[in-house]
Amino acid sequence: MKLSIGIVGLPNVGKSTLFSILTKQAVHIANYPFATIDPNVGVVPVPDTRLHQLTEISHSKKTVPAVVEFYDIAGLVKGANKGEGLGNQFLSHIRECAAIVQVLRCFGGGEIIHVEGSTDPLRDFGIIKMELILKDLDTVEKRLKKAEGEARTGDTQAVHLLAVLQELVTMLQSGEYPSALLREELAIKELSLLTLKPQIFLLNGKEDDVSEELKKAIHDMGSEYVIADLSAAENIDGLIQKAYQVLGLISFFTTGEDETRAWTIVRGAKAPEAAGAIHTDFEKKFIRAEVISCEKLLEAGDWNKGKQKGWLRLEGKDYVAQDGDVMVIRHG
């Protein structure tokens, strides 16, 4: 499956710098708002030491990591939900991503222009939060008008949808993201709301630049954060790993002389679904999977030794794939 993450934030907070560090690409970075208009797109390998260890013991000719697509989306500004600063265009780019990394500028220094005139990450946090809420409120209110007519028929599902949308409007109008209960409503998911997308915050600065108040605000909305000084080009592998965590993703492996490859699946996926990540026909014609944990395979030294030690298992259609499984799929 493809994992796409949109990098968002106010102008000049470090979005394009983060993108460059992640992708090792040279992108247009400038000290003025809207230096990025169309989103830059970069494919980034998911860091996983297990992949390279498996390559070594299998003597694979090729190593293929799981990947994440990062979209460097132009800076949002206050009023973006109404089209300010090309806001509608930028917000539509966010809608296409599976998750959002929101960059907040925590470092000081007056040499880099801040669109709001000063550095205040808690204020910036509130601006972006409100812009996403207001854009979603517009989307939901339009759907609500249609739902009111549908509910007049007395259809049970239509009446339920109307009640859900009314509750959602109330929450958004109060400046809150949808509750956990509302997030599970199928009809709500179909609206592709921005406030439903998992969010990770990249706090651009040093640990001392980040206030406890900001950490609490992020925690209270149920999100995760990573602190990184982008000016020092810090290693930010933790950001990708955090993205995997919040999206409920895991990796399993296939390995052999030709290649060792990591595959991305949703946590809880069963063996046929994992097989389908390799090829759709494998899911349809799945018979069984030969499975060994990566740790046990590395300990054994190769596939045959793992089998001799009894660490290789035959699993059927009900087997729930685990992070780090090494699989051989048998299919018709």
C-alpha atoms as a PDB file:
ATOM      1  CA  MET A   1       0.000   0.000   0.000  1.00  0.00           C
ATOM      2  CA  LYS A   2       1.114   3.555  -0.652  1.00  0.00           C
ATOM      3  CA  LEU A   3       1.725   5.753   2.376  1.00  0.00           C
ATOM      4  CA  SER A   4       1.437   9.448   1.561  1.00  0.00           C
ATOM      5  CA  ILE A   5       2.113  12.212   4.068  1.00  0.00           C
ATOM      6  CA  GLY A   6       1.539  15.926   3.547  1.00  0.00           C
ATOM      7  CA  ILE A   7       3.959  18.366   5.177  1.00  0.00           C
ATOM      8  CA  VAL A   8       1.992  21.444   6.230  1.00  0.00           C
ATOM      9  CA  GLY A   9       2.423  24.571   8.309  1.00  0.00           C
ATOM     10  CA  LEU A  10       2.643  28.333   8.028  1.00  0.00           C
ATOM     11  CA  PRO A  11       5.132  29.779   5.505  1.00  0.00           C
ATOM     12  CA  ASN A  12       8.838  29.754   6.456  1.00  0.00           C
ATOM     13  CA  VAL A  13       8.619  27.339   9.379  1.00  0.00           C
ATOM     14  CA  GLY A  14      10.907  24.673   7.873  1.00  0.00           C
ATOM     15  CA  LYS A  15       8.621  22.551   5.661  1.00  0.00           C
ATOM     16  CA  SER A  16      10.853  22.582   2.586  1.00  0.00           C
ATOM     17  CA  THR A  17      13.945  22.104   4.761  1.00  0.00           C
ATOM     18  CA  LEU A  18      12.326  19.014   6.301  1.00  0.00           C
ATOM     19  CA  PHE A  19      11.435  17.748   2.831  1.00  0.00           C
ATOM     20  CA  SER A  20      15.027  18.200   1.650  1.00  0.00           C
ATOM     21  CA  ILE A  21      16.429  16.346   4.670  1.00  0.00           C
ATOM     22  CA  LEU A  22      13.958  13.481   4.185  1.00  0.00           C
ATOM     23  CA  THR A  23      14.337  13.084   0.455  1.00  0.00           C
ATOM     24  CA  LYS A  24      17.905  14.342  -0.056  1.00  0.00           C
ATOM     25  CA  GLN A  25      16.420  16.463  -2.849  1.00  0.00           C
ATOM     26  CA  ALA A  26      17.207  20.096  -3.602  1.00  0.00           C
ATOM     27  CA  VAL A  27      13.920  22.000  -3.470  1.00  0.00           C
ATOM     28  CA  HIS A  28      13.201  25.711  -3.714  1.00  0.00           C
ATOM     29  CA  ILE A  29      13.745  27.131  -0.233  1.00  0.00           C
ATOM     30  CA  ALA A  30      13.339  30.907   0.089  1.00  0.00           C
ATOM     31  CA  ASN A  31      12.921  33.456   2.867  1.00  0.00           C
ATOM     32  CA  TYR A  32       9.464  34.621   1.812  1.00  0.00           C
ATOM     33  CA  PRO A  33       5.917  33.195   1.863  1.00  0.00           C
ATOM     34  CA  PHE A  34       4.631  30.934  -0.948  1.00  0.00           C
ATOM     35  CA  ALA A  35       8.046  29.965  -2.331  1.00  0.00           C
ATOM     36  CA  THR A  36       6.358  26.572  -2.879  1.00  0.00           C
ATOM     37  CA  ILE A  37       3.134  26.635  -4.903  1.00  0.00           C
ATOM     38  CA  ASP A  38       2.740  23.180  -6.425  1.00  0.00           C
ATOM     39  CA  PRO A  39       3.646  20.455  -3.919  1.00  0.00           C
ATOM     40  CA  ASN A  40       7.063  18.854  -4.226  1.00  0.00           C
ATOM     41  CA  VAL A  41       6.780  15.061  -4.039  1.00  0.00           C
ATOM     42  CA  GLY A  42       9.534  12.787  -2.773  1.00  0.00           C
ATOM     43  CA  VAL A  43       9.723   9.043  -2.182  1.00  0.00           C
ATOM     44  CA  VAL A  44      11.554   8.194   1.041  1.00  0.00           C
ATOM     45  CA  PRO A  45      12.679   4.693   2.115  1.00  0.00           C
ATOM     46  CA  VAL A  46      11.456   3.534   5.506  1.00  0.00           C
ATOM     47  CA  PRO A  47      14.517   3.003   7.735  1.00  0.00           C
ATOM     48  CA  ASP A  48      14.689  -0.620   8.897  1.00  0.00           C
ATOM     49  CA  THR A  49      17.946  -2.318   9.881  1.00  0.00           C
ATOM     50  CA  ARG A  50      16.278  -5.733   9.629  1.00  0.00           C
ATOM     51  CA  LEU A  51      15.969  -5.356   5.862  1.00  0.00           C
ATOM     52  CA  HIS A  52      19.721  -5.053   5.351  1.00  0.00           C
ATOM     53  CA  GLN A  53      20.464  -7.890   7.780  1.00  0.00           C
ATOM     54  CA  LEU A  54      18.158 -10.160   5.784  1.00  0.00           C
ATOM     55  CA  THR A  55      19.886  -9.072   2.559  1.00  0.00           C
ATOM     56  CA  GLU A  56      23.222 -10.181   4.020  1.00  0.00           C
ATOM     57  CA  ILE A  57      22.160 -13.666   5.084  1.00  0.00           C
ATOM     58  CA  SER A  58      20.267 -14.256   1.795  1.00  0.00           C
ATOM     59  CA  HIS A  59      23.072 -12.737  -0.323  1.00  0.00           C
ATOM     60  CA  SER A  60      20.343 -10.857  -2.187  1.00  0.00           C
ATOM     61  CA  LYS A  61      21.216  -9.055  -5.395  1.00  0.00           C
ATOM     62  CA  LYS A  62      18.716  -6.313  -4.637  1.00  0.00           C
ATOM     63  CA  THR A  63      17.260  -4.655  -1.506  1.00  0.00           C
ATOM     64  CA  VAL A  64      13.876  -2.950  -1.776  1.00  0.00           C
ATOM     65  CA  PRO A  65      12.670  -0.982   1.267  1.00  0.00           C
ATOM     66  CA  ALA A  66       9.128   0.063   2.040  1.00  0.00           C
ATOM     67  CA  VAL A  67       8.603   3.689   1.030  1.00  0.00           C
ATOM     68  CA  VAL A  68       6.707   6.793   2.101  1.00  0.00           C
ATOM     69  CA  GLU A  69       5.622   9.556  -0.261  1.00  0.00           C
ATOM     70  CA  PHE A  70       6.105  13.012   1.240  1.00  0.00           C
ATOM     71  CA  TYR A  71       4.302  16.023  -0.208  1.00  0.00           C
ATOM     72  CA  ASP A  72       5.840  19.416   0.544  1.00  0.00           C
ATOM     73  CA  ILE A  73       2.647  21.489   0.515  1.00  0.00           C
ATOM     74  CA  ALA A  74       2.780  25.287   0.269  1.00  0.00           C
ATOM     75  CA  GLY A  75       2.337  27.307   3.451  1.00  0.00           C
ATOM     76  CA  LEU A  76      -1.104  27.862   4.892  1.00  0.00           C
ATOM     77  CA  VAL A  77      -2.066  31.257   6.282  1.00  0.00           C
ATOM     78  CA  LYS A  78      -4.925  32.564   8.385  1.00  0.00           C
ATOM     79  CA  GLY A  79      -8.017  32.597   6.156  1.00  0.00           C
ATOM     80  CA  ALA A  80      -6.848  29.697   3.973  1.00  0.00           C
ATOM     81  CA  ASN A  81     -10.272  28.055   4.301  1.00  0.00           C
ATOM     82  CA  LYS A  82     -11.699  31.059   2.416  1.00  0.00           C
ATOM     83  CA  GLY A  83      -8.960  30.955  -0.211  1.00  0.00           C
ATOM     84  CA  GLU A  84      -6.427  33.314   1.377  1.00  0.00           C
ATOM     85  CA  GLY A  85      -2.876  32.681   0.128  1.00  0.00           C
ATOM     86  CA  LEU A  86      -4.090  30.135  -2.462  1.00  0.00           C
ATOM     87  CA  GLY A  87      -5.556  28.303   0.517  1.00  0.00           C
ATOM     88  CA  ASN A  88      -8.213  26.244  -1.258  1.00  0.00           C
ATOM     89  CA  GLN A  89      -5.580  24.791  -3.583  1.00  0.00           C
ATOM     90  CA  PHE A  90      -3.278  23.905  -0.672  1.00  0.00           C
ATOM     91  CA  LEU A  91      -6.060  22.393   1.412  1.00  0.00           C
ATOM     92  CA  SER A  92      -7.090  20.161  -1.504  1.00  0.00           C
ATOM     93  CA  HIS A  93      -3.518  18.816  -1.630  1.00  0.00           C
ATOM     94  CA  ILE A  94      -3.757  17.896   2.065  1.00  0.00           C
ATOM     95  CA  ARG A  95      -7.025  16.054   1.447  1.00  0.00           C
ATOM     96  CA  GLU A  96      -5.244  13.597  -0.866  1.00  0.00           C
ATOM     97  CA  CYS A  97      -2.728  12.500   1.818  1.00  0.00           C
ATOM     98  CA  ALA A  98      -3.161   9.662   4.325  1.00  0.00           C
ATOM     99  CA  ALA A  99      -1.625  11.673   7.168  1.00  0.00           C
ATOM    100  CA  ILE A 100      -0.350  15.137   7.992  1.00  0.00           C
ATOM    101  CA  VAL A 101       2.998  16.230   9.390  1.00  0.00           C
ATOM    102  CA  GLN A 102       2.531  19.718  10.749  1.00  0.00           C
ATOM    103  CA  VAL A 103       5.756  21.692  11.123  1.00  0.00           C
ATOM    104  CA  LEU A 104       5.775  24.247  13.920  1.00  0.00           C
ATOM    105  CA  ARG A 105       8.601  26.752  14.163  1.00  0.00           C
ATOM    106  CA  CYS A 106       9.875  26.769  17.735  1.00  0.00           C
ATOM    107  CA  PHE A 107      13.285  28.400  17.176  1.00  0.00           C
ATOM    108  CA  GLY A 108      13.668  32.163  17.523  1.00  0.00           C
ATOM    109  CA  GLY A 109      15.743  34.517  15.385  1.00  0.00           C
ATOM    110  CA  GLY A 110      14.526  37.495  13.423  1.00  0.00           C
ATOM    111  CA  GLU A 111      16.535  36.871  10.262  1.00  0.00           C
ATOM    112  CA  ILE A 112      13.886  34.433   8.947  1.00  0.00           C
ATOM    113  CA  ILE A 113      10.586  36.132   8.157  1.00  0.00           C
ATOM    114  CA  HIS A 114       7.527  34.841  10.033  1.00  0.00           C
ATOM    115  CA  VAL A 115       4.238  35.504   8.279  1.00  0.00           C
ATOM    116  CA  GLU A 116       2.634  36.467  11.620  1.00  0.00           C
ATOM    117  CA  GLY A 117       5.490  38.803  12.538  1.00  0.00           C
ATOM    118  CA  SER A 118       6.817  36.816  15.526  1.00  0.00           C
ATOM    119  CA  THR A 119       7.641  33.276  16.647  1.00  0.00           C
ATOM    120  CA  ASP A 120       4.845  31.700  18.678  1.00  0.00           C
ATOM    121  CA  PRO A 121       4.372  27.963  18.014  1.00  0.00           C
ATOM    122  CA  LEU A 122       1.283  27.721  20.241  1.00  0.00           C
ATOM    123  CA  ARG A 123      -0.397  30.500  18.234  1.00  0.00           C
ATOM    124  CA  ASP A 124       0.636  28.835  14.953  1.00  0.00           C
ATOM    125  CA  PHE A 125      -0.738  25.517  16.261  1.00  0.00           C
ATOM    126  CA  GLY A 126      -4.081  27.230  16.817  1.00  0.00           C
ATOM    127  CA  ILE A 127      -4.113  28.893  13.388  1.00  0.00           C
ATOM    128  CA  ILE A 128      -3.567  25.667  11.441  1.00  0.00           C
ATOM    129  CA  LYS A 129      -6.002  23.767  13.656  1.00  0.00           C
ATOM    130  CA  MET A 130      -8.699  26.359  13.042  1.00  0.00           C
ATOM    131  CA  GLU A 131      -8.098  26.484   9.275  1.00  0.00           C
ATOM    132  CA  LEU A 132      -8.564  22.716   9.005  1.00  0.00           C
ATOM    133  CA  ILE A 133     -11.679  22.885  11.197  1.00  0.00           C
ATOM    134  CA  LEU A 134     -13.250  25.726   9.185  1.00  0.00           C
ATOM    135  CA  LYS A 135     -12.591  23.967   5.883  1.00  0.00           C
ATOM    136  CA  ASP A 136     -14.211  20.795   7.214  1.00  0.00           C
ATOM    137  CA  LEU A 137     -17.134  22.774   8.628  1.00  0.00           C
ATOM    138  CA  ASP A 138     -17.817  24.110   5.133  1.00  0.00           C
ATOM    139  CA  THR A 139     -17.717  20.549   3.738  1.00  0.00           C
ATOM    140  CA  VAL A 140     -20.015  19.155   6.444  1.00  0.00           C
ATOM    141  CA  GLU A 141     -22.558  21.981   6.245  1.00  0.00           C
ATOM    142  CA  LYS A 142     -22.943  21.401   2.499  1.00  0.00           C
ATOM    143  CA  ARG A 143     -23.527  17.675   3.110  1.00  0.00           C
ATOM    144  CA  LEU A 144     -25.932  18.510   5.950  1.00  0.00           C
ATOM    145  CA  LYS A 145     -28.273  20.427   3.615  1.00  0.00           C
ATOM    146  CA  LYS A 146     -28.568  17.378   1.378  1.00  0.00           C
ATOM    147  CA  ALA A 147     -28.995  15.066   4.387  1.00  0.00           C
ATOM    148  CA  GLU A 148     -31.938  17.111   5.711  1.00  0.00           C
ATOM    149  CA  GLY A 149     -33.879  16.370   2.537  1.00  0.00           C
ATOM    150  CA  GLU A 150     -32.929  12.684   2.590  1.00  0.00           C
ATOM    151  CA  ALA A 151     -34.033  12.318   6.230  1.00  0.00           C
ATOM    152  CA  ARG A 152     -37.545  13.579   5.437  1.00  0.00           C
ATOM    153  CA  THR A 153     -38.197  10.274   3.657  1.00  0.00           C
ATOM    154  CA  GLY A 154     -37.978   8.545   7.017  1.00  0.00           C
ATOM    155  CA  ASP A 155     -35.177   6.251   5.862  1.00  0.00           C
ATOM    156  CA  THR A 156     -33.409   4.956   8.998  1.00  0.00           C
ATOM    157  CA  GLN A 157     -29.897   5.378   7.614  1.00  0.00           C
ATOM    158  CA  ALA A 158     -30.653   8.889   6.383  1.00  0.00           C
ATOM    159  CA  VAL A 159     -32.045   9.898   9.781  1.00  0.00           C
ATOM    160  CA  HIS A 160     -28.946   8.507  11.491  1.00  0.00           C
ATOM    161  CA  LEU A 161     -26.633  10.333   9.078  1.00  0.00           C
ATOM    162  CA  LEU A 162     -28.445  13.609   9.740  1.00  0.00           C
ATOM    163  CA  ALA A 163     -27.969  13.194  13.501  1.00  0.00           C
ATOM    164  CA  VAL A 164     -24.267  12.401  13.033  1.00  0.00           C
ATOM    165  CA  LEU A 165     -23.729  15.421  10.772  1.00  0.00           C
ATOM    166  CA  GLN A 166     -25.537  17.712  13.204  1.00  0.00           C
ATOM    167  CA  GLU A 167     -23.312  16.490  16.047  1.00  0.00           C
ATOM    168  CA  LEU A 168     -20.254  16.963  13.854  1.00  0.00           C
ATOM    169  CA  VAL A 169     -21.240  20.545  13.005  1.00  0.00           C
ATOM    170  CA  THR A 170     -21.666  21.312  16.707  1.00  0.00           C
ATOM    171  CA  MET A 171     -18.168  19.986  17.492  1.00  0.00           C
ATOM    172  CA  LEU A 172     -16.482  21.827  14.626  1.00  0.00           C
ATOM    173  CA  GLN A 173     -18.289  25.087  15.455  1.00  0.00           C
ATOM    174  CA  SER A 174     -16.937  24.804  18.995  1.00  0.00           C
ATOM    175  CA  GLY A 175     -13.393  24.542  17.613  1.00  0.00           C
ATOM    176  CA  GLU A 176     -12.963  20.849  18.333  1.00  0.00           C
ATOM    177  CA  TYR A 177     -11.892  17.931  16.169  1.00  0.00           C
ATOM    178  CA  PRO A 178     -14.418  15.075  15.718  1.00  0.00           C
ATOM    179  CA  SER A 179     -14.688  12.780  18.730  1.00  0.00           C
ATOM    180  CA  ALA A 180     -13.332   9.231  18.673  1.00  0.00           C
ATOM    181  CA  LEU A 181     -16.905   7.931  18.354  1.00  0.00           C
ATOM    182  CA  LEU A 182     -17.676  10.125  15.348  1.00  0.00           C
ATOM    183  CA  ARG A 183     -14.399   9.127  13.678  1.00  0.00           C
ATOM    184  CA  GLU A 184     -15.688   5.550  13.421  1.00  0.00           C
ATOM    185  CA  GLU A 185     -18.817   6.552  11.494  1.00  0.00           C
ATOM    186  CA  LEU A 186     -18.479   5.236   7.940  1.00  0.00           C
ATOM    187  CA  ALA A 187     -20.426   8.158   6.462  1.00  0.00           C
ATOM    188  CA  ILE A 188     -18.008  10.604   8.118  1.00  0.00           C
ATOM    189  CA  LYS A 189     -14.967   8.760   6.761  1.00  0.00           C
ATOM    190  CA  GLU A 190     -16.387   9.064   3.263  1.00  0.00           C
ATOM    191  CA  LEU A 191     -16.238  12.872   3.519  1.00  0.00           C
ATOM    192  CA  SER A 192     -12.403  12.718   3.664  1.00  0.00           C
ATOM    193  CA  LEU A 193     -12.319  15.391   6.345  1.00  0.00           C
ATOM    194  CA  LEU A 194      -8.973  17.020   7.070  1.00  0.00           C
ATOM    195  CA  THR A 195      -9.559  16.822  10.823  1.00  0.00           C
ATOM    196  CA  LEU A 196      -9.931  13.037  10.596  1.00  0.00           C
ATOM    197  CA  LYS A 197      -6.430  12.569   9.232  1.00  0.00           C
ATOM    198  CA  PRO A 198      -3.773  11.374  11.691  1.00  0.00           C
ATOM    199  CA  GLN A 199      -1.438  14.253  12.560  1.00  0.00           C
ATOM    200  CA  ILE A 200       2.187  14.248  13.684  1.00  0.00           C
ATOM    201  CA  PHE A 201       3.876  17.460  14.763  1.00  0.00           C
ATOM    202  CA  LEU A 202       7.470  18.209  13.849  1.00  0.00           C
ATOM    203  CA  LEU A 203       8.626  20.798  16.371  1.00  0.00           C
ATOM    204  CA  ASN A 204      11.429  22.632  14.592  1.00  0.00           C
ATOM    205  CA  GLY A 205      13.943  23.657  17.229  1.00  0.00           C
ATOM    206  CA  LYS A 206      15.838  22.416  20.236  1.00  0.00           C
ATOM    207  CA  GLU A 207      14.295  20.753  23.274  1.00  0.00           C
ATOM    208  CA  ASP A 208      14.608  24.020  25.228  1.00  0.00           C
ATOM    209  CA  ASP A 209      12.582  25.860  22.560  1.00  0.00           C
ATOM    210  CA  VAL A 210       9.519  23.672  23.124  1.00  0.00           C
ATOM    211  CA  SER A 211       7.153  24.670  25.933  1.00  0.00           C
ATOM    212  CA  GLU A 212       5.287  22.211  28.113  1.00  0.00           C
ATOM    213  CA  GLU A 213       2.101  24.067  27.149  1.00  0.00           C
ATOM    214  CA  LEU A 214       2.647  23.197  23.486  1.00  0.00           C
ATOM    215  CA  LYS A 215       3.379  19.547  24.305  1.00  0.00           C
ATOM    216  CA  LYS A 216       0.146  19.402  26.326  1.00  0.00           C
ATOM    217  CA  ALA A 217      -1.901  20.973  23.512  1.00  0.00           C
ATOM    218  CA  ILE A 218      -0.637  18.324  21.083  1.00  0.00           C
ATOM    219  CA  HIS A 219      -1.200  15.533  23.601  1.00  0.00           C
ATOM    220  CA  ASP A 220      -4.753  16.747  24.352  1.00  0.00           C
ATOM    221  CA  MET A 221      -5.738  16.423  20.689  1.00  0.00           C
ATOM    222  CA  GLY A 222      -4.443  12.845  20.671  1.00  0.00           C
ATOM    223  CA  SER A 223      -1.469  13.504  18.393  1.00  0.00           C
ATOM    224  CA  GLU A 224       2.249  12.699  18.530  1.00  0.00           C
ATOM    225  CA  TYR A 225       5.262  14.978  18.134  1.00  0.00           C
ATOM    226  CA  VAL A 226       8.939  14.772  17.223  1.00  0.00           C
ATOM    227  CA  ILE A 227      11.433  17.497  18.204  1.00  0.00           C
ATOM    228  CA  ALA A 228      14.180  18.129  15.635  1.00  0.00           C
ATOM    229  CA  ASP A 229      16.496  21.054  14.911  1.00  0.00           C
ATOM    230  CA  LEU A 230      16.193  21.198  11.129  1.00  0.00           C
ATOM    231  CA  SER A 231      18.877  23.893  10.894  1.00  0.00           C
ATOM    232  CA  ALA A 232      21.335  21.232  12.099  1.00  0.00           C
ATOM    233  CA  ALA A 233      19.918  18.689   9.612  1.00  0.00           C
ATOM    234  CA  GLU A 234      19.200  16.253  12.430  1.00  0.00           C
ATOM    235  CA  ASN A 235      18.417  12.626  11.710  1.00  0.00           C
ATOM    236  CA  ILE A 236      14.628  12.402  11.597  1.00  0.00           C
ATOM    237  CA  ASP A 237      14.088   8.687  11.003  1.00  0.00           C
ATOM    238  CA  GLY A 238      11.846   8.825  14.064  1.00  0.00           C
ATOM    239  CA  LEU A 239       9.341  10.867  12.092  1.00  0.00           C
ATOM    240  CA  ILE A 240       8.750   8.060   9.583  1.00  0.00           C
ATOM    241  CA  GLN A 241       8.564   5.480  12.349  1.00  0.00           C
ATOM    242  CA  LYS A 242       6.062   7.700  14.193  1.00  0.00           C
ATOM    243  CA  ALA A 243       3.995   7.898  10.993  1.00  0.00           C
ATOM    244  CA  TYR A 244       3.896   4.091  10.851  1.00  0.00           C
ATOM    245  CA  GLN A 245       2.785   4.029  14.473  1.00  0.00           C
ATOM    246  CA  VAL A 246      -0.079   6.525  14.186  1.00  0.00           C
ATOM    247  CA  LEU A 247      -1.349   4.974  10.949  1.00  0.00           C
ATOM    248  CA  GLY A 248      -1.267   1.467  12.436  1.00  0.00           C
ATOM    249  CA  LEU A 249       1.140   0.078   9.839  1.00  0.00           C
ATOM    250  CA  ILE A 250       3.690  -2.739  10.047  1.00  0.00           C
ATOM    251  CA  SER A 251       6.249  -4.322   7.712  1.00  0.00           C
ATOM    252  CA  PHE A 252       6.759  -7.930   6.705  1.00  0.00           C
ATOM    253  CA  PHE A 253       9.552  -9.258   4.487  1.00  0.00           C
ATOM    254  CA  THR A 254      10.263 -11.566   1.585  1.00  0.00           C
ATOM    255  CA  THR A 255      13.863 -12.599   1.051  1.00  0.00           C
ATOM    256  CA  GLY A 256      15.929 -14.674  -1.353  1.00  0.00           C
ATOM    257  CA  GLU A 257      18.885 -14.550  -3.722  1.00  0.00           C
ATOM    258  CA  ASP A 258      17.133 -12.225  -6.167  1.00  0.00           C
ATOM    259  CA  GLU A 259      15.898  -9.649  -3.658  1.00  0.00           C
ATOM    260  CA  THR A 260      14.987  -8.845  -0.088  1.00  0.00           C
ATOM    261  CA  ARG A 261      11.939  -6.593   0.148  1.00  0.00           C
ATOM    262  CA  ALA A 262       9.869  -4.918   2.867  1.00  0.00           C
ATOM    263  CA  TRP A 263       6.094  -4.728   2.400  1.00  0.00           C
ATOM    264  CA  THR A 264       3.723  -2.368   4.200  1.00  0.00           C
ATOM    265  CA  ILE A 265       0.393  -3.615   5.558  1.00  0.00           C
ATOM    266  CA  VAL A 266      -2.141  -2.473   8.134  1.00  0.00           C
ATOM    267  CA  ARG A 267      -1.677  -3.935  11.609  1.00  0.00           C
ATOM    268  CA  GLY A 268      -4.188  -6.753  12.033  1.00  0.00           C
ATOM    269  CA  ALA A 269      -4.128  -7.817   8.372  1.00  0.00           C
ATOM    270  CA  LYS A 270      -4.429 -11.547   7.804  1.00  0.00           C
ATOM    271  CA  ALA A 271      -2.055 -13.621   5.702  1.00  0.00           C
ATOM    272  CA  PRO A 272      -4.102 -13.411   2.457  1.00  0.00           C
ATOM    273  CA  GLU A 273      -4.152  -9.597   2.735  1.00  0.00           C
ATOM    274  CA  ALA A 274      -0.394  -9.605   3.231  1.00  0.00           C
ATOM    275  CA  ALA A 275      -0.089 -11.803   0.154  1.00  0.00           C
ATOM    276  CA  GLY A 276      -2.215  -9.276  -1.719  1.00  0.00           C
ATOM    277  CA  ALA A 277       0.364  -6.570  -0.992  1.00  0.00           C
ATOM    278  CA  ILE A 278       2.778  -8.584  -3.143  1.00  0.00           C
ATOM    279  CA  HIS A 279       0.269  -9.306  -5.914  1.00  0.00           C
ATOM    280  CA  THR A 280      -3.533  -9.187  -6.012  1.00  0.00           C
ATOM    281  CA  ASP A 281      -3.651 -12.720  -7.480  1.00  0.00           C
ATOM    282  CA  PHE A 282      -1.786 -14.051  -4.440  1.00  0.00           C
ATOM    283  CA  GLU A 283      -4.636 -12.926  -2.188  1.00  0.00           C
ATOM    284  CA  LYS A 284      -7.325 -14.451  -4.397  1.00  0.00           C
ATOM    285  CA  LYS A 285      -5.484 -17.771  -4.788  1.00  0.00           C
ATOM    286  CA  PHE A 286      -3.870 -17.914  -1.336  1.00  0.00           C
ATOM    287  CA  ILE A 287      -3.289 -21.432   0.024  1.00  0.00           C
ATOM    288  CA  ARG A 288      -0.907 -20.955   2.954  1.00  0.00           C
ATOM    289  CA  ALA A 289       2.138 -19.021   4.087  1.00  0.00           C
ATOM    290  CA  GLU A 290       5.468 -20.275   5.392  1.00  0.00           C
ATOM    291  CA  VAL A 291       6.355 -17.879   8.191  1.00  0.00           C
ATOM    292  CA  ILE A 292       9.319 -17.228  10.468  1.00  0.00           C
ATOM    293  CA  SER A 293      10.043 -14.125  12.509  1.00  0.00           C
ATOM    294  CA  CYS A 294      12.900 -11.978  11.255  1.00  0.00           C
ATOM    295  CA  GLU A 295      14.685 -12.318  14.603  1.00  0.00           C
ATOM    296  CA  LYS A 296      14.549 -16.133  14.488  1.00  0.00           C
ATOM    297  CA  LEU A 297      15.691 -16.247  10.862  1.00  0.00           C
ATOM    298  CA  LEU A 298      18.652 -13.996  11.617  1.00  0.00           C
ATOM    299  CA  GLU A 299      19.494 -16.132  14.648  1.00  0.00           C
ATOM    300  CA  ALA A 300      19.328 -19.328  12.569  1.00  0.00           C
ATOM    301  CA  GLY A 301      21.471 -17.863   9.799  1.00  0.00           C
ATOM    302  CA  ASP A 302      19.416 -19.048   6.830  1.00  0.00           C
ATOM    303  CA  TRP A 303      15.988 -20.418   5.867  1.00  0.00           C
ATOM    304  CA  ASN A 304      16.899 -24.136   5.958  1.00  0.00           C
ATOM    305  CA  LYS A 305      18.518 -23.877   9.411  1.00  0.00           C
ATOM    306  CA  GLY A 306      15.427 -22.066  10.687  1.00  0.00           C
ATOM    307  CA  LYS A 307      13.306 -24.913   9.342  1.00  0.00           C
ATOM    308  CA  GLN A 308      15.549 -27.532  10.973  1.00  0.00           C
ATOM    309  CA  LYS A 309      15.171 -25.783  14.340  1.00  0.00           C
ATOM    310  CA  GLY A 310      11.389 -25.935  14.010  1.00  0.00           C
ATOM    311  CA  TRP A 311      11.019 -22.158  13.862  1.00  0.00           C
ATOM    312  CA  LEU A 312       9.301 -22.185  10.473  1.00  0.00           C
ATOM    313  CA  ARG A 313       5.494 -22.345  10.678  1.00  0.00           C
ATOM    314  CA  LEU A 314       2.743 -23.098   8.155  1.00  0.00           C
ATOM    315  CA  GLU A 315      -0.064 -20.577   8.548  1.00  0.00           C
ATOM    316  CA  GLY A 316      -3.506 -20.490   6.937  1.00  0.00           C
ATOM    317  CA  LYS A 317      -6.012 -17.836   5.955  1.00  0.00           C
ATOM    318  CA  ASP A 318      -6.842 -16.797   9.533  1.00  0.00           C
ATOM    319  CA  TYR A 319      -3.255 -16.031  10.530  1.00  0.00           C
ATOM    320  CA  VAL A 320      -2.746 -12.387  11.535  1.00  0.00           C
ATOM    321  CA  ALA A 321       0.546 -11.151  10.108  1.00  0.00           C
ATOM    322  CA  GLN A 322       3.029  -9.739  12.618  1.00  0.00           C
ATOM    323  CA  ASP A 323       5.580  -6.960  12.248  1.00  0.00           C
ATOM    324  CA  GLY A 324       8.869  -8.532  11.170  1.00  0.00           C
ATOM    325  CA  ASP A 325       7.411 -11.724   9.738  1.00  0.00           C
ATOM    326  CA  VAL A 326       9.381 -13.242   6.862  1.00  0.00           C
ATOM    327  CA  MET A 327       6.994 -15.005   4.512  1.00  0.00           C
ATOM    328  CA  VAL A 328       6.893 -17.319   1.542  1.00  0.00           C
ATOM    329  CA  ILE A 329       3.402 -17.278   0.022  1.00  0.00           C
ATOM    330  CA  ARG A 330       1.980 -20.462  -1.483  1.00  0.00           C
ATOM    331  CA  HIS A 331      -0.853 -19.864  -3.923  1.00  0.00           C
ATOM    332  CA  GLY A 332      -2.822 -21.670  -6.601  1.00  0.00           C
END
